[in-house]
Amino acid sequence: QVQLVESGGGLVQAGDSLRLSCAASGRAFSMYAMGWFRQAPGKEREFVAVISYTGTNTYYADSVKGRFTISRDNAKNTVYLQMNSLKPEDTAVYYCAAGRRPYYSGNHPSDFGSWGQGTQVTVSS
C-alpha cells in the first residue's frame, strides 16, 4: 500500500494559478502511474489527469486540457498538478491517486488503488 499526502490547495481568483503536490511513501513510486481526480459538492468524483510511471505519457480531461499540467519527480516520490487559468468551475476537492497495478495507466477511479485525503481548491469569480 502507498500513502499519499496532497498539498497546495487554496482560495484564488479566476485566472490565477496553483500548483498541487502529492508526496507518496510506502512502495515503489516509480512503478505506478499517478493521477489526479476532483470532486465538487453534489457531483461525482471526476478524472483530471494521469501520468505514466515513467512520466513519458500524460492524459487529460477535456475540461482541463491546455490549462493543467501533470508531472512527476520519481527521485522525490512526488507528483504535481500545475493549474493555470483557473475558472470557478474548477472549484473542488482535488485527490491524488496511485495506480492499482504496476506500469498500467488508466483514467477510471477503479484503476487506482490508493488515494490521498484531498486538498480544497476554490476559485472565485
Protein backbone atom coordinates (compact mmCIF):
# COMPACT_ATOMS: atom_id res chain seq x y z
CA GLN A 1 0.00 0.00 0.00
CA VAL A 2 1.08 3.56 -0.58
CA GLN A 3 0.37 6.64 1.48
CA LEU A 4 -0.40 9.89 -0.34
CA VAL A 5 -0.44 13.40 1.06
CA GLU A 6 -1.64 16.33 -1.05
CA SER A 7 -0.79 19.96 -0.51
CA GLY A 8 -1.03 23.29 -2.31
CA GLY A 9 -4.74 23.94 -2.42
CA GLY A 10 -6.27 27.27 -1.54
CA LEU A 11 -8.53 30.15 -2.49
CA VAL A 12 -7.65 32.02 -5.67
CA GLN A 13 -9.32 34.29 -8.20
CA ALA A 14 -10.33 33.31 -11.69
CA GLY A 15 -7.32 33.41 -14.00
CA ASP A 16 -4.84 32.64 -11.23
CA SER A 17 -2.57 29.62 -10.95
CA LEU A 18 -1.96 26.98 -8.31
CA ARG A 19 0.38 24.02 -8.07
CA LEU A 20 -0.72 20.95 -6.18
CA SER A 21 1.78 18.46 -4.85
CA CYS A 22 1.32 14.87 -3.75
CA ALA A 23 4.01 13.13 -1.74
CA ALA A 24 3.99 9.33 -1.80
CA SER A 25 5.51 6.80 0.55
CA GLY A 26 5.29 3.11 1.24
CA ARG A 27 6.08 1.36 -2.04
CA ALA A 28 8.00 1.72 -5.30
CA PHE A 29 6.60 5.02 -6.53
CA SER A 30 8.34 4.81 -9.88
CA MET A 31 6.48 1.61 -10.85
CA TYR A 32 2.99 3.12 -10.77
CA ALA A 33 1.01 5.62 -12.77
CA MET A 34 -0.29 8.57 -10.79
CA GLY A 35 -3.47 10.51 -11.27
CA TRP A 36 -5.45 13.49 -10.11
CA PHE A 37 -9.20 13.49 -9.64
CA ARG A 38 -11.57 16.11 -8.28
CA GLN A 39 -14.97 16.21 -6.67
CA ALA A 40 -17.23 19.23 -6.47
CA PRO A 41 -20.12 19.46 -3.97
CA GLY A 42 -23.03 17.34 -5.11
CA LYS A 43 -21.10 15.83 -8.01
CA GLU A 44 -19.31 12.57 -8.62
CA ARG A 45 -15.56 12.29 -8.50
CA GLU A 46 -14.14 13.03 -11.94
CA PHE A 47 -10.87 12.34 -13.67
CA VAL A 48 -8.50 15.26 -14.19
CA ALA A 49 -5.13 13.90 -15.35
CA VAL A 50 -2.88 10.85 -15.30
CA ILE A 51 0.84 10.38 -15.84
CA SER A 52 2.57 7.12 -16.69
CA TYR A 53 5.05 5.51 -14.33
CA THR A 54 7.98 6.86 -16.36
CA GLY A 55 6.45 10.29 -16.77
CA THR A 56 6.61 9.95 -20.54
CA ASN A 57 2.88 9.82 -21.20
CA THR A 58 0.13 12.06 -19.89
CA TYR A 59 -3.60 12.26 -20.47
CA TYR A 60 -6.08 14.95 -19.50
CA ALA A 61 -9.77 15.51 -19.19
CA ASP A 62 -11.05 17.77 -21.95
CA SER A 63 -12.15 20.33 -19.37
CA VAL A 64 -8.56 20.98 -18.23
CA LYS A 65 -6.57 20.27 -21.38
CA GLY A 66 -4.26 23.16 -22.21
CA ARG A 67 -4.60 24.67 -18.73
CA PHE A 68 -3.37 21.94 -16.37
CA THR A 69 -0.10 20.04 -16.47
CA ILE A 70 0.68 16.86 -14.57
CA SER A 71 4.29 15.96 -13.85
CA ARG A 72 6.27 13.74 -11.52
CA ASP A 73 9.66 13.54 -9.88
CA ASN A 74 10.43 9.91 -9.19
CA ALA A 75 13.53 10.85 -7.21
CA LYS A 76 11.30 12.78 -4.79
CA ASN A 77 8.31 10.39 -4.90
CA THR A 78 6.13 13.35 -5.78
CA VAL A 79 3.55 14.13 -8.42
CA TYR A 80 2.41 17.64 -9.28
CA LEU A 81 -0.55 19.31 -10.89
CA GLN A 82 0.13 22.77 -12.26
CA MET A 83 -3.17 24.56 -12.75
CA ASN A 84 -3.23 27.73 -14.84
CA SER A 85 -6.06 29.99 -15.98
CA LEU A 86 -8.27 28.68 -13.22
CA LYS A 87 -12.02 29.01 -13.56
CA PRO A 88 -14.78 28.97 -10.93
CA GLU A 89 -15.89 25.59 -12.29
CA ASP A 90 -12.51 24.17 -11.24
CA THR A 91 -13.60 24.55 -7.62
CA ALA A 92 -13.46 21.12 -5.98
CA VAL A 93 -11.57 18.88 -3.62
CA TYR A 94 -8.61 17.51 -5.55
CA TYR A 95 -7.39 14.00 -4.86
CA CYS A 96 -4.12 12.36 -5.74
CA ALA A 97 -4.27 8.65 -6.61
CA ALA A 98 -1.75 5.87 -7.22
CA GLY A 99 -2.23 3.18 -9.83
CA ARG A 100 -3.55 -0.15 -8.71
CA ARG A 101 -1.26 -2.24 -10.93
CA PRO A 102 2.40 -1.68 -11.76
CA TYR A 103 3.15 0.01 -15.08
CA TYR A 104 -0.53 0.38 -16.05
CA SER A 105 -2.13 3.76 -16.75
CA GLY A 106 -5.85 4.30 -16.65
CA ASN A 107 -8.30 7.13 -16.12
CA HIS A 108 -11.09 5.47 -14.20
CA PRO A 109 -11.21 5.56 -10.39
CA SER A 110 -11.11 1.74 -10.33
CA ASP A 111 -7.65 1.88 -11.97
CA PHE A 112 -6.29 3.46 -8.79
CA GLY A 113 -5.78 1.67 -5.50
CA SER A 114 -4.61 4.37 -3.12
CA TRP A 115 -5.96 7.85 -2.52
CA GLY A 116 -4.91 10.91 -0.63
CA GLN A 117 -7.12 12.82 1.76
CA GLY A 118 -7.78 15.62 -0.73
CA THR A 119 -7.00 19.31 -0.87
CA GLN A 120 -9.56 22.04 -1.43
CA VAL A 121 -9.26 24.36 -4.41
CA THR A 122 -11.66 27.29 -4.53
CA VAL A 123 -11.73 29.68 -7.46
CA SER A 124 -13.70 32.88 -7.04
CA SER A 125 -15.11 34.83 -9.97
